[in-house]
Amino acid sequence: MKKRLLCLLLAAITLFGLTGCFSAGKALLPSAAPSLEPSPTPTPTPEPTIDPSLVISDEEIERMVERAKTISITEEDADYFLEGASPILTDTQNLADLLAQVDATTMKPDNAEEWKPLISEISSEAKKLCSRFEALTPSANFEDFHRLMILGYTCYYKSMDLIIESEGKSWGKMSLAVDYMLQGNAYIQGANSIMLSINANI
């Protein structure tokens, strides 16, 4: 019975939470860049890059998804998902709704005080969701999913924090913010694919 319920939840929450968050996050992708003007006299400082500890290759994510196709769900997996992960994923809709409110074309240095509160709220929501996942101990079959969710939310809030810090004035920070958002989207989409693979195998 619990496995059948898990199957239904996987199907519903996958599309409701993760896909919504992934789609809404696109509002902050490269379309924001044209509104920013690089400094005419850039300083010769190294280009900022994503924290290496937050980087997983596309190939590794693909391997995670392939592993998920061979999983046999256990009672421990069901407990982890039903009692731990699913309530968090349900609350992901709030993050998706916030991301959907972002209009990157209006985010300019001269009106930073208008858009910073929303970006700050997105960062706080992503941090909250990340912390809730970090407080869980994943079952063996959900370790990859768990890791990707934490990395995805971490990249989301780091992206938002960089946007706030830059106030739209630092080309380097804004470019890095886009990189973090892209990376976060890749992780959330990877976690989504893992859930779909597990669901298909139940």
N, C-alpha and C. Protein backbone atom coordinates (compact mmCIF):
# COMPACT_ATOMS: atom_id res chain seq x y z
N MET A 1 0.83 -1.21 0.00
CA MET A 1 0.00 0.00 0.00
C MET A 1 0.86 1.26 0.00
N LYS A 2 1.90 1.25 0.85
CA LYS A 2 2.75 2.42 0.93
C LYS A 2 3.49 2.63 -0.39
N LYS A 3 3.88 1.53 -1.05
CA LYS A 3 4.57 1.66 -2.33
C LYS A 3 3.65 2.23 -3.39
N ARG A 4 2.36 1.84 -3.37
CA ARG A 4 1.42 2.38 -4.35
C ARG A 4 1.21 3.88 -4.12
N LEU A 5 1.14 4.26 -2.85
CA LEU A 5 0.99 5.67 -2.52
C LEU A 5 2.23 6.45 -2.96
N LEU A 6 3.39 5.85 -2.75
CA LEU A 6 4.63 6.48 -3.17
C LEU A 6 4.63 6.72 -4.67
N CYS A 7 4.15 5.74 -5.42
CA CYS A 7 4.10 5.85 -6.88
C CYS A 7 3.24 7.04 -7.29
N LEU A 8 2.08 7.19 -6.66
CA LEU A 8 1.19 8.29 -6.99
C LEU A 8 1.81 9.64 -6.64
N LEU A 9 2.46 9.69 -5.49
CA LEU A 9 3.08 10.93 -5.06
C LEU A 9 4.23 11.32 -5.99
N LEU A 10 5.00 10.33 -6.40
CA LEU A 10 6.11 10.60 -7.31
C LEU A 10 5.59 11.22 -8.61
N ALA A 11 4.50 10.68 -9.13
CA ALA A 11 3.95 11.18 -10.38
C ALA A 11 3.42 12.60 -10.22
N ALA A 12 2.70 12.85 -9.13
CA ALA A 12 2.07 14.15 -8.94
C ALA A 12 3.06 15.23 -8.55
N ILE A 13 3.88 14.94 -7.55
CA ILE A 13 4.78 15.97 -7.03
C ILE A 13 5.89 16.29 -8.00
N THR A 14 6.34 15.31 -8.77
CA THR A 14 7.39 15.56 -9.75
C THR A 14 7.00 16.71 -10.67
N LEU A 15 5.79 16.64 -11.23
CA LEU A 15 5.35 17.67 -12.17
C LEU A 15 4.95 18.95 -11.44
N PHE A 16 4.39 18.81 -10.26
CA PHE A 16 3.88 19.96 -9.51
C PHE A 16 5.00 20.83 -8.97
N GLY A 17 5.97 20.21 -8.32
CA GLY A 17 7.01 20.97 -7.66
C GLY A 17 8.23 21.24 -8.50
N LEU A 18 8.92 20.18 -8.90
CA LEU A 18 10.21 20.35 -9.55
C LEU A 18 10.12 21.02 -10.91
N THR A 19 9.20 20.55 -11.75
CA THR A 19 9.10 21.12 -13.09
C THR A 19 8.67 22.58 -13.03
N GLY A 20 7.78 22.90 -12.12
CA GLY A 20 7.35 24.29 -11.97
C GLY A 20 8.50 25.19 -11.58
N CYS A 21 9.34 24.71 -10.67
CA CYS A 21 10.49 25.49 -10.23
C CYS A 21 11.48 25.66 -11.37
N PHE A 22 11.71 24.58 -12.12
CA PHE A 22 12.67 24.63 -13.23
C PHE A 22 12.20 25.61 -14.30
N SER A 23 10.93 25.56 -14.65
CA SER A 23 10.40 26.44 -15.70
C SER A 23 10.44 27.90 -15.27
N ALA A 24 10.03 28.16 -14.03
CA ALA A 24 10.00 29.53 -13.55
C ALA A 24 11.39 30.13 -13.45
N GLY A 25 12.37 29.30 -13.15
CA GLY A 25 13.73 29.79 -12.99
C GLY A 25 14.32 30.38 -14.26
N LYS A 26 13.75 30.04 -15.41
CA LYS A 26 14.28 30.54 -16.67
C LYS A 26 14.15 32.06 -16.78
N ALA A 27 13.32 32.66 -15.95
CA ALA A 27 13.15 34.11 -15.99
C ALA A 27 14.45 34.85 -15.69
N LEU A 28 15.35 34.19 -15.00
CA LEU A 28 16.59 34.85 -14.61
C LEU A 28 17.77 34.46 -15.48
N LEU A 29 17.55 33.77 -16.57
CA LEU A 29 18.64 33.32 -17.41
C LEU A 29 19.11 34.43 -18.36
N PRO A 30 19.99 34.13 -19.33
CA PRO A 30 20.68 35.18 -20.07
C PRO A 30 19.88 36.36 -20.60
N SER A 31 18.56 36.29 -20.63
CA SER A 31 17.80 37.44 -21.10
C SER A 31 18.05 38.67 -20.25
N ALA A 32 18.54 38.46 -19.02
CA ALA A 32 18.81 39.60 -18.13
C ALA A 32 20.09 40.32 -18.53
N ALA A 33 20.97 39.64 -19.23
CA ALA A 33 22.28 40.19 -19.51
C ALA A 33 22.27 41.45 -20.38
N PRO A 34 21.46 41.52 -21.45
CA PRO A 34 21.52 42.69 -22.32
C PRO A 34 21.25 44.01 -21.62
N SER A 35 20.53 44.01 -20.49
CA SER A 35 20.23 45.25 -19.81
C SER A 35 21.42 45.77 -19.02
N LEU A 36 22.47 44.94 -18.91
CA LEU A 36 23.65 45.33 -18.16
C LEU A 36 24.74 45.79 -19.11
N GLU A 37 25.46 46.83 -18.74
CA GLU A 37 26.55 47.30 -19.57
C GLU A 37 27.87 47.06 -18.87
N PRO A 38 28.79 46.31 -19.51
CA PRO A 38 30.09 46.07 -18.89
C PRO A 38 30.83 47.39 -18.66
N SER A 39 31.64 47.42 -17.65
CA SER A 39 32.42 48.61 -17.36
C SER A 39 33.33 48.92 -18.55
N PRO A 40 33.41 50.19 -18.96
CA PRO A 40 34.26 50.54 -20.10
C PRO A 40 35.74 50.37 -19.79
N THR A 41 36.08 50.34 -18.51
CA THR A 41 37.47 50.15 -18.12
C THR A 41 37.57 48.99 -17.13
N PRO A 42 37.37 47.75 -17.60
CA PRO A 42 37.39 46.61 -16.70
C PRO A 42 38.75 46.42 -16.04
N THR A 43 38.73 46.06 -14.78
CA THR A 43 39.97 45.80 -14.06
C THR A 43 40.44 44.39 -14.37
N PRO A 44 41.74 44.18 -14.38
CA PRO A 44 42.30 42.86 -14.74
C PRO A 44 42.21 41.84 -13.62
N THR A 45 41.01 41.66 -13.08
CA THR A 45 40.83 40.67 -12.02
C THR A 45 40.32 39.37 -12.62
N PRO A 46 40.64 38.24 -11.98
CA PRO A 46 40.19 36.94 -12.51
C PRO A 46 38.67 36.86 -12.55
N GLU A 47 38.15 36.21 -13.56
CA GLU A 47 36.70 36.03 -13.68
C GLU A 47 36.23 35.11 -12.56
N PRO A 48 35.17 35.50 -11.83
CA PRO A 48 34.65 34.62 -10.77
C PRO A 48 34.04 33.36 -11.37
N THR A 49 34.17 32.27 -10.67
CA THR A 49 33.63 31.00 -11.16
C THR A 49 32.81 30.32 -10.08
N ILE A 50 32.01 29.35 -10.47
CA ILE A 50 31.20 28.59 -9.53
C ILE A 50 32.10 27.81 -8.57
N ASP A 51 31.70 27.76 -7.32
CA ASP A 51 32.40 26.97 -6.31
C ASP A 51 32.55 25.53 -6.81
N PRO A 52 33.78 25.04 -6.95
CA PRO A 52 33.98 23.68 -7.48
C PRO A 52 33.25 22.59 -6.69
N SER A 53 33.04 22.84 -5.39
CA SER A 53 32.35 21.83 -4.57
C SER A 53 30.88 21.70 -4.94
N LEU A 54 30.38 22.65 -5.73
CA LEU A 54 28.97 22.62 -6.14
C LEU A 54 28.79 22.15 -7.58
N VAL A 55 29.85 21.65 -8.16
CA VAL A 55 29.80 21.26 -9.58
C VAL A 55 29.77 19.75 -9.75
N ILE A 56 28.75 19.27 -10.44
CA ILE A 56 28.66 17.87 -10.87
C ILE A 56 28.51 17.89 -12.39
N SER A 57 29.25 17.06 -13.07
CA SER A 57 29.20 17.04 -14.53
C SER A 57 27.87 16.50 -15.03
N ASP A 58 27.53 16.86 -16.26
CA ASP A 58 26.32 16.33 -16.89
C ASP A 58 26.39 14.80 -16.98
N GLU A 59 27.60 14.30 -17.21
CA GLU A 59 27.78 12.85 -17.32
C GLU A 59 27.44 12.15 -16.01
N GLU A 60 27.85 12.76 -14.90
CA GLU A 60 27.55 12.16 -13.59
C GLU A 60 26.05 12.18 -13.31
N ILE A 61 25.40 13.27 -13.69
CA ILE A 61 23.95 13.35 -13.50
C ILE A 61 23.26 12.27 -14.33
N GLU A 62 23.74 12.06 -15.55
CA GLU A 62 23.17 11.01 -16.41
C GLU A 62 23.35 9.64 -15.78
N ARG A 63 24.51 9.42 -15.15
CA ARG A 63 24.74 8.14 -14.47
C ARG A 63 23.78 7.96 -13.30
N MET A 64 23.50 9.05 -12.60
CA MET A 64 22.55 8.99 -11.49
C MET A 64 21.17 8.58 -11.99
N VAL A 65 20.76 9.18 -13.10
CA VAL A 65 19.45 8.86 -13.68
C VAL A 65 19.40 7.41 -14.12
N GLU A 66 20.48 6.92 -14.71
CA GLU A 66 20.53 5.52 -15.15
C GLU A 66 20.45 4.58 -13.96
N ARG A 67 21.13 4.93 -12.87
CA ARG A 67 21.07 4.08 -11.66
C ARG A 67 19.65 4.00 -11.14
N ALA A 68 18.93 5.12 -11.23
CA ALA A 68 17.57 5.16 -10.71
C ALA A 68 16.65 4.19 -11.44
N LYS A 69 16.98 3.87 -12.68
CA LYS A 69 16.15 2.97 -13.48
C LYS A 69 16.20 1.53 -12.97
N THR A 70 17.20 1.20 -12.16
CA THR A 70 17.36 -0.17 -11.67
C THR A 70 16.94 -0.31 -10.21
N ILE A 71 16.43 0.75 -9.63
CA ILE A 71 16.10 0.75 -8.19
C ILE A 71 14.85 -0.07 -7.90
N SER A 72 14.91 -0.81 -6.81
CA SER A 72 13.72 -1.48 -6.26
C SER A 72 13.40 -0.77 -4.95
N ILE A 73 12.25 -0.11 -4.91
CA ILE A 73 11.88 0.69 -3.75
C ILE A 73 11.70 -0.17 -2.51
N THR A 74 12.29 0.29 -1.41
CA THR A 74 12.18 -0.40 -0.12
C THR A 74 11.28 0.40 0.82
N GLU A 75 10.96 -0.19 1.94
CA GLU A 75 10.16 0.53 2.94
C GLU A 75 10.92 1.75 3.46
N GLU A 76 12.24 1.62 3.55
CA GLU A 76 13.07 2.75 3.98
C GLU A 76 12.97 3.90 2.99
N ASP A 77 12.96 3.56 1.70
CA ASP A 77 12.80 4.59 0.66
C ASP A 77 11.45 5.27 0.78
N ALA A 78 10.42 4.46 0.98
CA ALA A 78 9.07 5.01 1.11
C ALA A 78 8.97 5.94 2.31
N ASP A 79 9.58 5.54 3.42
CA ASP A 79 9.55 6.39 4.61
C ASP A 79 10.27 7.72 4.36
N TYR A 80 11.43 7.63 3.73
CA TYR A 80 12.19 8.86 3.44
C TYR A 80 11.37 9.81 2.58
N PHE A 81 10.78 9.26 1.53
CA PHE A 81 10.07 10.12 0.59
C PHE A 81 8.77 10.65 1.17
N LEU A 82 7.95 9.75 1.72
CA LEU A 82 6.63 10.16 2.19
C LEU A 82 6.71 11.07 3.41
N GLU A 83 7.62 10.76 4.33
CA GLU A 83 7.67 11.51 5.59
C GLU A 83 8.65 12.67 5.56
N GLY A 84 9.60 12.63 4.63
CA GLY A 84 10.61 13.68 4.61
C GLY A 84 10.59 14.55 3.37
N ALA A 85 10.80 13.93 2.20
CA ALA A 85 10.98 14.70 0.98
C ALA A 85 9.69 15.30 0.42
N SER A 86 8.61 14.53 0.43
CA SER A 86 7.39 15.01 -0.25
C SER A 86 6.82 16.30 0.35
N PRO A 87 6.83 16.49 1.68
CA PRO A 87 6.34 17.77 2.20
C PRO A 87 7.18 18.95 1.73
N ILE A 88 8.49 18.74 1.58
CA ILE A 88 9.37 19.80 1.10
C ILE A 88 9.06 20.10 -0.36
N LEU A 89 8.89 19.05 -1.15
CA LEU A 89 8.62 19.24 -2.57
C LEU A 89 7.29 19.95 -2.80
N THR A 90 6.32 19.66 -1.96
CA THR A 90 5.03 20.35 -2.06
C THR A 90 5.22 21.85 -1.85
N ASP A 91 6.08 22.20 -0.89
CA ASP A 91 6.33 23.61 -0.60
C ASP A 91 7.19 24.29 -1.66
N THR A 92 7.77 23.50 -2.57
CA THR A 92 8.58 24.07 -3.65
C THR A 92 7.74 24.99 -4.54
N GLN A 93 6.44 24.79 -4.56
CA GLN A 93 5.58 25.62 -5.40
C GLN A 93 5.71 27.10 -5.03
N ASN A 94 5.95 27.38 -3.76
CA ASN A 94 6.10 28.77 -3.34
C ASN A 94 7.32 29.40 -4.00
N LEU A 95 8.42 28.63 -4.08
CA LEU A 95 9.62 29.12 -4.75
C LEU A 95 9.34 29.34 -6.24
N ALA A 96 8.63 28.40 -6.85
CA ALA A 96 8.29 28.54 -8.27
C ALA A 96 7.45 29.79 -8.51
N ASP A 97 6.50 30.05 -7.61
CA ASP A 97 5.64 31.23 -7.76
C ASP A 97 6.46 32.52 -7.66
N LEU A 98 7.42 32.54 -6.73
CA LEU A 98 8.27 33.72 -6.58
C LEU A 98 9.13 33.94 -7.82
N LEU A 99 9.71 32.86 -8.33
CA LEU A 99 10.54 32.97 -9.53
C LEU A 99 9.72 33.47 -10.72
N ALA A 100 8.46 33.07 -10.77
CA ALA A 100 7.60 33.47 -11.88
C ALA A 100 7.30 34.97 -11.86
N GLN A 101 7.48 35.61 -10.72
CA GLN A 101 7.22 37.04 -10.61
C GLN A 101 8.37 37.90 -11.13
N VAL A 102 9.51 37.26 -11.38
CA VAL A 102 10.70 38.02 -11.80
C VAL A 102 10.58 38.43 -13.26
N ASP A 103 10.79 39.71 -13.51
CA ASP A 103 10.85 40.22 -14.88
C ASP A 103 12.27 40.76 -15.08
N ALA A 104 13.12 39.93 -15.68
CA ALA A 104 14.53 40.29 -15.81
C ALA A 104 14.74 41.56 -16.61
N THR A 105 13.81 41.90 -17.50
CA THR A 105 13.99 43.08 -18.34
C THR A 105 13.88 44.38 -17.54
N THR A 106 13.30 44.31 -16.36
CA THR A 106 13.14 45.52 -15.54
C THR A 106 14.20 45.63 -14.45
N MET A 107 15.09 44.65 -14.36
CA MET A 107 16.11 44.65 -13.32
C MET A 107 17.32 45.45 -13.78
N LYS A 108 17.38 46.71 -13.37
CA LYS A 108 18.45 47.60 -13.78
C LYS A 108 19.11 48.23 -12.55
N PRO A 109 20.35 48.70 -12.70
CA PRO A 109 21.05 49.29 -11.56
C PRO A 109 20.32 50.47 -10.93
N ASP A 110 19.61 51.26 -11.75
CA ASP A 110 18.98 52.46 -11.21
C ASP A 110 17.66 52.20 -10.49
N ASN A 111 17.17 50.95 -10.51
CA ASN A 111 15.94 50.65 -9.76
C ASN A 111 16.13 49.42 -8.88
N ALA A 112 17.35 49.23 -8.41
CA ALA A 112 17.68 48.04 -7.61
C ALA A 112 16.79 47.90 -6.38
N GLU A 113 16.44 49.01 -5.76
CA GLU A 113 15.62 48.94 -4.55
C GLU A 113 14.22 48.41 -4.83
N GLU A 114 13.81 48.44 -6.09
CA GLU A 114 12.48 47.94 -6.45
C GLU A 114 12.47 46.42 -6.59
N TRP A 115 13.56 45.84 -7.15
CA TRP A 115 13.56 44.39 -7.39
C TRP A 115 14.32 43.58 -6.35
N LYS A 116 15.15 44.25 -5.55
CA LYS A 116 15.93 43.50 -4.55
C LYS A 116 15.07 42.75 -3.52
N PRO A 117 13.95 43.31 -3.05
CA PRO A 117 13.14 42.57 -2.06
C PRO A 117 12.65 41.22 -2.58
N LEU A 118 12.22 41.16 -3.84
CA LEU A 118 11.75 39.90 -4.41
C LEU A 118 12.90 38.91 -4.54
N ILE A 119 14.06 39.38 -5.01
CA ILE A 119 15.21 38.50 -5.15
C ILE A 119 15.65 37.98 -3.78
N SER A 120 15.59 38.85 -2.78
CA SER A 120 15.94 38.44 -1.42
C SER A 120 14.97 37.39 -0.89
N GLU A 121 13.70 37.54 -1.22
CA GLU A 121 12.69 36.56 -0.79
C GLU A 121 12.92 35.21 -1.46
N ILE A 122 13.31 35.23 -2.73
CA ILE A 122 13.62 33.99 -3.45
C ILE A 122 14.81 33.30 -2.80
N SER A 123 15.83 34.08 -2.47
CA SER A 123 17.02 33.53 -1.82
C SER A 123 16.65 32.88 -0.49
N SER A 124 15.85 33.57 0.30
CA SER A 124 15.45 33.05 1.61
C SER A 124 14.65 31.76 1.48
N GLU A 125 13.76 31.72 0.50
CA GLU A 125 12.94 30.53 0.29
C GLU A 125 13.81 29.35 -0.14
N ALA A 126 14.77 29.59 -1.03
CA ALA A 126 15.66 28.52 -1.48
C ALA A 126 16.52 28.01 -0.33
N LYS A 127 16.99 28.93 0.52
CA LYS A 127 17.80 28.53 1.67
C LYS A 127 16.97 27.68 2.63
N LYS A 128 15.71 28.07 2.81
CA LYS A 128 14.83 27.33 3.71
C LYS A 128 14.62 25.90 3.22
N LEU A 129 14.34 25.76 1.93
CA LEU A 129 14.12 24.43 1.35
C LEU A 129 15.40 23.60 1.41
N CYS A 130 16.53 24.24 1.14
CA CYS A 130 17.81 23.55 1.20
C CYS A 130 18.07 23.03 2.61
N SER A 131 17.84 23.87 3.61
CA SER A 131 18.07 23.48 5.00
C SER A 131 17.18 22.30 5.41
N ARG A 132 15.96 22.29 4.91
CA ARG A 132 15.06 21.19 5.25
C ARG A 132 15.55 19.87 4.67
N PHE A 133 16.09 19.92 3.45
CA PHE A 133 16.66 18.70 2.87
C PHE A 133 17.92 18.29 3.61
N GLU A 134 18.74 19.26 3.98
CA GLU A 134 19.98 18.95 4.70
C GLU A 134 19.70 18.29 6.04
N ALA A 135 18.54 18.58 6.61
CA ALA A 135 18.19 18.00 7.91
C ALA A 135 17.73 16.55 7.79
N LEU A 136 17.47 16.09 6.57
CA LEU A 136 17.02 14.72 6.35
C LEU A 136 18.20 13.79 6.12
N THR A 137 18.01 12.53 6.47
CA THR A 137 18.97 11.48 6.13
C THR A 137 18.35 10.64 5.02
N PRO A 138 18.91 10.69 3.82
CA PRO A 138 18.29 9.97 2.71
C PRO A 138 18.45 8.47 2.82
N SER A 139 17.49 7.74 2.31
CA SER A 139 17.63 6.29 2.19
C SER A 139 18.63 6.02 1.07
N ALA A 140 19.13 4.81 1.02
CA ALA A 140 20.20 4.47 0.06
C ALA A 140 19.80 4.77 -1.39
N ASN A 141 18.58 4.43 -1.75
CA ASN A 141 18.15 4.61 -3.14
C ASN A 141 17.83 6.06 -3.51
N PHE A 142 17.73 6.92 -2.52
CA PHE A 142 17.43 8.32 -2.78
C PHE A 142 18.61 9.25 -2.54
N GLU A 143 19.80 8.68 -2.35
CA GLU A 143 20.96 9.52 -2.07
C GLU A 143 21.28 10.47 -3.22
N ASP A 144 21.22 9.99 -4.45
CA ASP A 144 21.50 10.85 -5.60
C ASP A 144 20.47 11.97 -5.71
N PHE A 145 19.21 11.61 -5.60
CA PHE A 145 18.13 12.60 -5.64
C PHE A 145 18.34 13.66 -4.55
N HIS A 146 18.63 13.20 -3.35
CA HIS A 146 18.82 14.07 -2.19
C HIS A 146 19.97 15.05 -2.44
N ARG A 147 21.06 14.53 -2.95
CA ARG A 147 22.23 15.36 -3.22
C ARG A 147 21.93 16.42 -4.27
N LEU A 148 21.24 16.05 -5.32
CA LEU A 148 20.92 17.00 -6.38
C LEU A 148 19.97 18.09 -5.90
N MET A 149 19.02 17.73 -5.04
CA MET A 149 18.10 18.74 -4.52
C MET A 149 18.85 19.77 -3.69
N ILE A 150 19.75 19.32 -2.84
CA ILE A 150 20.52 20.25 -2.02
C ILE A 150 21.39 21.15 -2.89
N LEU A 151 22.06 20.55 -3.86
CA LEU A 151 22.90 21.34 -4.76
C LEU A 151 22.07 22.33 -5.58
N GLY A 152 20.90 21.90 -6.03
CA GLY A 152 20.04 22.77 -6.81
C GLY A 152 19.60 23.99 -6.03
N TYR A 153 19.10 23.78 -4.83
CA TYR A 153 18.65 24.90 -4.01
C TYR A 153 19.82 25.79 -3.61
N THR A 154 20.99 25.18 -3.34
CA THR A 154 22.17 25.97 -2.99
C THR A 154 22.56 26.90 -4.14
N CYS A 155 22.55 26.36 -5.35
CA CYS A 155 22.87 27.19 -6.52
C CYS A 155 21.84 28.29 -6.72
N TYR A 156 20.58 28.00 -6.46
CA TYR A 156 19.54 29.02 -6.58
C TYR A 156 19.81 30.19 -5.63
N TYR A 157 20.05 29.88 -4.35
CA TYR A 157 20.19 31.00 -3.42
C TYR A 157 21.52 31.74 -3.62
N LYS A 158 22.55 31.04 -4.07
CA LYS A 158 23.81 31.73 -4.36
C LYS A 158 23.63 32.67 -5.56
N SER A 159 22.84 32.25 -6.53
CA SER A 159 22.54 33.10 -7.67
C SER A 159 21.82 34.37 -7.23
N MET A 160 20.82 34.21 -6.38
CA MET A 160 20.06 35.36 -5.90
C MET A 160 20.94 36.30 -5.08
N ASP A 161 21.79 35.72 -4.22
CA ASP A 161 22.65 36.55 -3.38
C ASP A 161 23.63 37.37 -4.22
N LEU A 162 24.13 36.77 -5.30
CA LEU A 162 25.04 37.50 -6.18
C LEU A 162 24.32 38.66 -6.89
N ILE A 163 23.08 38.43 -7.28
CA ILE A 163 22.30 39.49 -7.93
C ILE A 163 22.09 40.65 -6.96
N ILE A 164 21.79 40.32 -5.71
CA ILE A 164 21.59 41.35 -4.69
C ILE A 164 22.88 42.12 -4.44
N GLU A 165 23.99 41.39 -4.32
CA GLU A 165 25.28 42.03 -4.07
C GLU A 165 25.67 42.97 -5.21
N SER A 166 25.40 42.55 -6.42
CA SER A 166 25.83 43.34 -7.58
C SER A 166 24.96 44.57 -7.81
N GLU A 167 23.70 44.48 -7.37
CA GLU A 167 22.71 45.53 -7.63
C GLU A 167 22.63 45.87 -9.12
N GLY A 168 22.96 44.87 -9.95
CA GLY A 168 22.92 45.08 -11.38
C GLY A 168 24.08 45.89 -11.93
N LYS A 169 25.08 46.17 -11.08
CA LYS A 169 26.19 47.02 -11.50
C LYS A 169 27.45 46.24 -11.86
N SER A 170 27.56 45.02 -11.35
CA SER A 170 28.76 44.23 -11.59
C SER A 170 28.49 43.17 -12.65
N TRP A 171 29.10 43.34 -13.81
CA TRP A 171 28.91 42.38 -14.89
C TRP A 171 29.40 41.00 -14.47
N GLY A 172 30.53 40.95 -13.78
CA GLY A 172 31.09 39.66 -13.36
C GLY A 172 30.16 38.90 -12.43
N LYS A 173 29.60 39.60 -11.43
CA LYS A 173 28.71 38.94 -10.48
C LYS A 173 27.40 38.51 -11.13
N MET A 174 26.89 39.35 -12.02
CA MET A 174 25.64 38.99 -12.68
C MET A 174 25.84 37.80 -13.61
N SER A 175 26.98 37.75 -14.28
CA SER A 175 27.27 36.61 -15.15
C SER A 175 27.40 35.33 -14.33
N LEU A 176 28.06 35.45 -13.17
CA LEU A 176 28.21 34.29 -12.29
C LEU A 176 26.85 33.87 -11.73
N ALA A 177 25.98 34.85 -11.46
CA ALA A 177 24.63 34.53 -10.98
C ALA A 177 23.87 33.70 -12.01
N VAL A 178 24.03 34.06 -13.28
CA VAL A 178 23.39 33.29 -14.35
C VAL A 178 23.97 31.88 -14.39
N ASP A 179 25.29 31.75 -14.22
CA ASP A 179 25.92 30.43 -14.21
C ASP A 179 25.37 29.56 -13.08
N TYR A 180 25.20 30.17 -11.91
CA TYR A 180 24.65 29.43 -10.77
C TYR A 180 23.21 29.00 -11.04
N MET A 181 22.43 29.89 -11.67
CA MET A 181 21.04 29.54 -11.96
C MET A 181 20.98 28.39 -12.96
N LEU A 182 21.82 28.44 -13.99
CA LEU A 182 21.86 27.36 -14.96
C LEU A 182 22.26 26.04 -14.31
N GLN A 183 23.25 26.11 -13.42
CA GLN A 183 23.70 24.91 -12.73
C GLN A 183 22.60 24.37 -11.83
N GLY A 184 21.93 25.28 -11.11
CA GLY A 184 20.83 24.85 -10.25
C GLY A 184 19.71 24.20 -11.04
N ASN A 185 19.38 24.78 -12.19
CA ASN A 185 18.34 24.20 -13.04
C ASN A 185 18.72 22.80 -13.49
N ALA A 186 20.01 22.60 -13.82
CA ALA A 186 20.48 21.28 -14.26
C ALA A 186 20.30 20.25 -13.14
N TYR A 187 20.57 20.66 -11.91
CA TYR A 187 20.44 19.73 -10.78
C TYR A 187 18.97 19.41 -10.48
N ILE A 188 18.13 20.44 -10.50
CA ILE A 188 16.71 20.21 -10.24
C ILE A 188 16.10 19.35 -11.33
N GLN A 189 16.49 19.61 -12.57
CA GLN A 189 15.99 18.79 -13.67
C GLN A 189 16.50 17.36 -13.54
N GLY A 190 17.75 17.20 -13.09
CA GLY A 190 18.31 15.87 -12.87
C GLY A 190 17.55 15.12 -11.80
N ALA A 191 17.23 15.81 -10.70
CA ALA A 191 16.45 15.19 -9.63
C ALA A 191 15.07 14.80 -10.13
N ASN A 192 14.49 15.65 -10.96
CA ASN A 192 13.19 15.36 -11.57
C ASN A 192 13.27 14.09 -12.40
N SER A 193 14.34 13.95 -13.19
CA SER A 193 14.52 12.77 -14.04
C SER A 193 14.70 11.51 -13.20
N ILE A 194 15.40 11.64 -12.08
CA ILE A 194 15.58 10.50 -11.18
C ILE A 194 14.23 10.04 -10.65
N MET A 195 13.38 10.99 -10.25
CA MET A 195 12.07 10.63 -9.72
C MET A 195 11.21 9.95 -10.78
N LEU A 196 11.27 10.46 -12.00
CA LEU A 196 10.51 9.83 -13.08
C LEU A 196 11.00 8.42 -13.36
N SER A 197 12.32 8.22 -13.29
CA SER A 197 12.89 6.90 -13.53
C SER A 197 12.48 5.92 -12.44
N ILE A 198 12.51 6.38 -11.19
CA ILE A 198 12.09 5.53 -10.07
C ILE A 198 10.61 5.19 -10.21
N ASN A 199 9.81 6.18 -10.55
CA ASN A 199 8.38 5.97 -10.68
C ASN A 199 8.06 4.94 -11.77
N ALA A 200 8.80 5.01 -12.88
CA ALA A 200 8.56 4.09 -13.99
C ALA A 200 8.97 2.66 -13.64
N ASN A 201 9.82 2.54 -12.63
CA ASN A 201 10.34 1.22 -12.26
C ASN A 201 9.55 0.57 -11.13
N ILE A 202 8.56 1.30 -10.58
CA ILE A 202 7.78 0.75 -9.46
C ILE A 202 6.73 -0.22 -9.98
